[in-house]
Amino acid sequence: MSIGERVLKIRTERKLSQAKLAKEVGVTQQLIGQIENGENQGTKHIVRIAAALGVSVLWLESGEGEPEPPPPARITSSADQRLEAIKARLGDEQKHAVADMLERMFPPAK
């Protein structure tokens, strides 16, 4: 099964339209259609697509393992999706460095 076939399978199981998935991912409906048809592998957007569908990136990319159940709360804003995609690429040290930088930029309210 290809990436596109897995996207189509889960999207239809979740009763999501291509338009709704595209909006959640922050891409066009046409791109979702191209991914499902095998015209585009969508690897640039794989983390956001997996998050929107509630499956693991590994399963979506390779078919290995099982898709995970949907998360309790869906990421809905494109800003949240971008932050989650960045977070997924960082190691622990990098996450601490980013958290320190953000806390300096946006100190807690007193």
C-alpha atoms as a PDB file:
ATOM      1  CA  MET A   1       0.000   0.000   0.000  1.00  0.00           C
ATOM      2  CA  SER A   2       1.403   3.439  -0.950  1.00  0.00           C
ATOM      3  CA  ILE A   3       1.388   6.654   1.078  1.00  0.00           C
ATOM      4  CA  GLY A   4      -1.509   7.871  -1.049  1.00  0.00           C
ATOM      5  CA  GLU A   5      -3.509   4.702  -0.464  1.00  0.00           C
ATOM      6  CA  ARG A   6      -2.942   5.000   3.294  1.00  0.00           C
ATOM      7  CA  VAL A   7      -4.003   8.670   3.271  1.00  0.00           C
ATOM      8  CA  LEU A   8      -7.163   7.782   1.319  1.00  0.00           C
ATOM      9  CA  LYS A   9      -7.948   4.812   3.590  1.00  0.00           C
ATOM     10  CA  ILE A  10      -7.673   6.751   6.848  1.00  0.00           C
ATOM     11  CA  ARG A  11      -9.275   9.910   5.457  1.00  0.00           C
ATOM     12  CA  THR A  12     -12.371   7.986   4.354  1.00  0.00           C
ATOM     13  CA  GLU A  13     -12.482   6.014   7.620  1.00  0.00           C
ATOM     14  CA  ARG A  14     -12.415   9.325   9.506  1.00  0.00           C
ATOM     15  CA  LYS A  15     -15.125  10.658   7.148  1.00  0.00           C
ATOM     16  CA  LEU A  16     -12.968  13.632   6.186  1.00  0.00           C
ATOM     17  CA  SER A  17     -13.289  15.275   2.799  1.00  0.00           C
ATOM     18  CA  GLN A  18     -10.167  16.144   0.850  1.00  0.00           C
ATOM     19  CA  ALA A  19     -11.037  19.810   1.414  1.00  0.00           C
ATOM     20  CA  LYS A  20     -11.288  19.378   5.202  1.00  0.00           C
ATOM     21  CA  LEU A  21      -8.016  17.439   5.387  1.00  0.00           C
ATOM     22  CA  ALA A  22      -6.302  20.006   3.170  1.00  0.00           C
ATOM     23  CA  LYS A  23      -7.490  22.831   5.440  1.00  0.00           C
ATOM     24  CA  GLU A  24      -6.226  21.040   8.564  1.00  0.00           C
ATOM     25  CA  VAL A  25      -2.854  20.349   6.934  1.00  0.00           C
ATOM     26  CA  GLY A  26      -2.514  23.816   5.401  1.00  0.00           C
ATOM     27  CA  VAL A  27      -2.307  22.663   1.770  1.00  0.00           C
ATOM     28  CA  THR A  28      -4.644  22.679  -1.209  1.00  0.00           C
ATOM     29  CA  GLN A  29      -7.324  20.088  -1.880  1.00  0.00           C
ATOM     30  CA  GLN A  30      -5.594  19.472  -5.208  1.00  0.00           C
ATOM     31  CA  LEU A  31      -2.405  18.399  -3.382  1.00  0.00           C
ATOM     32  CA  ILE A  32      -4.341  15.924  -1.221  1.00  0.00           C
ATOM     33  CA  GLY A  33      -5.868  14.483  -4.409  1.00  0.00           C
ATOM     34  CA  GLN A  34      -2.421  14.219  -6.015  1.00  0.00           C
ATOM     35  CA  ILE A  35      -1.059  12.424  -2.952  1.00  0.00           C
ATOM     36  CA  GLU A  36      -3.976   9.969  -2.929  1.00  0.00           C
ATOM     37  CA  ASN A  37      -3.562   9.331  -6.678  1.00  0.00           C
ATOM     38  CA  GLY A  38       0.182   8.738  -6.333  1.00  0.00           C
ATOM     39  CA  GLU A  39       1.110  11.824  -8.380  1.00  0.00           C
ATOM     40  CA  ASN A  40       2.815  13.427  -5.360  1.00  0.00           C
ATOM     41  CA  GLN A  41       4.373  11.627  -2.377  1.00  0.00           C
ATOM     42  CA  GLY A  42       3.614  14.550  -0.044  1.00  0.00           C
ATOM     43  CA  THR A  43       6.717  13.891   2.037  1.00  0.00           C
ATOM     44  CA  LYS A  44       7.210  17.613   2.686  1.00  0.00           C
ATOM     45  CA  HIS A  45       3.861  17.606   4.499  1.00  0.00           C
ATOM     46  CA  ILE A  46       3.931  14.078   5.965  1.00  0.00           C
ATOM     47  CA  VAL A  47       4.172  15.173   9.625  1.00  0.00           C
ATOM     48  CA  ARG A  48       1.196  17.525   9.326  1.00  0.00           C
ATOM     49  CA  ILE A  49      -0.851  14.979   7.334  1.00  0.00           C
ATOM     50  CA  ALA A  50      -0.166  12.284   9.940  1.00  0.00           C
ATOM     51  CA  ALA A  51      -1.140  14.662  12.761  1.00  0.00           C
ATOM     52  CA  ALA A  52      -4.352  15.683  10.999  1.00  0.00           C
ATOM     53  CA  LEU A  53      -5.281  12.032  10.374  1.00  0.00           C
ATOM     54  CA  GLY A  54      -4.252  10.927  13.869  1.00  0.00           C
ATOM     55  CA  VAL A  55      -1.767   8.298  12.698  1.00  0.00           C
ATOM     56  CA  SER A  56       1.952   7.759  13.190  1.00  0.00           C
ATOM     57  CA  VAL A  57       4.336   9.299  10.693  1.00  0.00           C
ATOM     58  CA  LEU A  58       6.158   5.962  10.420  1.00  0.00           C
ATOM     59  CA  TRP A  59       2.992   4.094   9.449  1.00  0.00           C
ATOM     60  CA  LEU A  60       1.904   6.763   6.975  1.00  0.00           C
ATOM     61  CA  GLU A  61       5.341   6.910   5.342  1.00  0.00           C
ATOM     62  CA  SER A  62       6.198   3.213   5.246  1.00  0.00           C
ATOM     63  CA  GLY A  63       3.184   1.158   6.278  1.00  0.00           C
ATOM     64  CA  GLU A  64       5.251  -0.310   9.120  1.00  0.00           C
ATOM     65  CA  GLY A  65       3.496  -0.916  12.419  1.00  0.00           C
ATOM     66  CA  GLU A  66      -0.118  -0.011  12.987  1.00  0.00           C
ATOM     67  CA  PRO A  67      -1.813   3.342  12.654  1.00  0.00           C
ATOM     68  CA  GLU A  68      -2.335   4.906  16.048  1.00  0.00           C
ATOM     69  CA  PRO A  69      -5.791   5.877  17.282  1.00  0.00           C
ATOM     70  CA  PRO A  70      -6.743   9.521  16.806  1.00  0.00           C
ATOM     71  CA  PRO A  71      -5.294  11.852  19.432  1.00  0.00           C
ATOM     72  CA  PRO A  72      -7.717  13.159  22.072  1.00  0.00           C
ATOM     73  CA  ALA A  73      -7.471  16.710  20.736  1.00  0.00           C
ATOM     74  CA  ARG A  74      -6.892  17.560  17.103  1.00  0.00           C
ATOM     75  CA  ILE A  75      -4.476  20.211  15.992  1.00  0.00           C
ATOM     76  CA  THR A  76      -6.643  22.713  14.201  1.00  0.00           C
ATOM     77  CA  SER A  77      -4.662  25.857  13.526  1.00  0.00           C
ATOM     78  CA  SER A  78      -1.926  25.971  10.937  1.00  0.00           C
ATOM     79  CA  ALA A  79       0.326  27.661  13.534  1.00  0.00           C
ATOM     80  CA  ASP A  80      -0.134  24.686  15.897  1.00  0.00           C
ATOM     81  CA  GLN A  81       0.588  22.303  13.018  1.00  0.00           C
ATOM     82  CA  ARG A  82       3.776  24.160  12.124  1.00  0.00           C
ATOM     83  CA  LEU A  83       4.939  24.104  15.743  1.00  0.00           C
ATOM     84  CA  GLU A  84       4.196  20.377  16.063  1.00  0.00           C
ATOM     85  CA  ALA A  85       6.089  19.641  12.830  1.00  0.00           C
ATOM     86  CA  ILE A  86       9.117  21.575  14.101  1.00  0.00           C
ATOM     87  CA  LYS A  87       8.898  19.906  17.522  1.00  0.00           C
ATOM     88  CA  ALA A  88       8.865  16.455  15.903  1.00  0.00           C
ATOM     89  CA  ARG A  89      12.221  17.176  14.254  1.00  0.00           C
ATOM     90  CA  LEU A  90      14.007  18.313  17.429  1.00  0.00           C
ATOM     91  CA  GLY A  91      16.036  16.328  19.910  1.00  0.00           C
ATOM     92  CA  ASP A  92      15.696  16.864  23.671  1.00  0.00           C
ATOM     93  CA  GLU A  93      18.546  19.389  23.877  1.00  0.00           C
ATOM     94  CA  GLN A  94      17.095  21.380  21.000  1.00  0.00           C
ATOM     95  CA  LYS A  95      13.640  21.329  22.612  1.00  0.00           C
ATOM     96  CA  HIS A  96      15.113  22.733  25.840  1.00  0.00           C
ATOM     97  CA  ALA A  97      16.959  25.439  23.903  1.00  0.00           C
ATOM     98  CA  VAL A  98      13.768  26.438  22.065  1.00  0.00           C
ATOM     99  CA  ALA A  99      11.760  26.423  25.315  1.00  0.00           C
ATOM    100  CA  ASP A 100      14.392  28.643  26.986  1.00  0.00           C
ATOM    101  CA  MET A 101      14.332  31.049  24.035  1.00  0.00           C
ATOM    102  CA  LEU A 102      10.521  31.207  24.037  1.00  0.00           C
ATOM    103  CA  GLU A 103      10.403  31.822  27.783  1.00  0.00           C
ATOM    104  CA  ARG A 104      12.837  34.734  27.354  1.00  0.00           C
ATOM    105  CA  MET A 105      10.761  36.135  24.482  1.00  0.00           C
ATOM    106  CA  PHE A 106       7.409  35.565  26.220  1.00  0.00           C
ATOM    107  CA  PRO A 107       7.904  35.636  29.994  1.00  0.00           C
ATOM    108  CA  PRO A 108       5.063  34.251  32.121  1.00  0.00           C
ATOM    109  CA  ALA A 109       2.476  36.816  33.210  1.00  0.00           C
ATOM    110  CA  LYS A 110       2.859  37.918  36.827  1.00  0.00           C
END
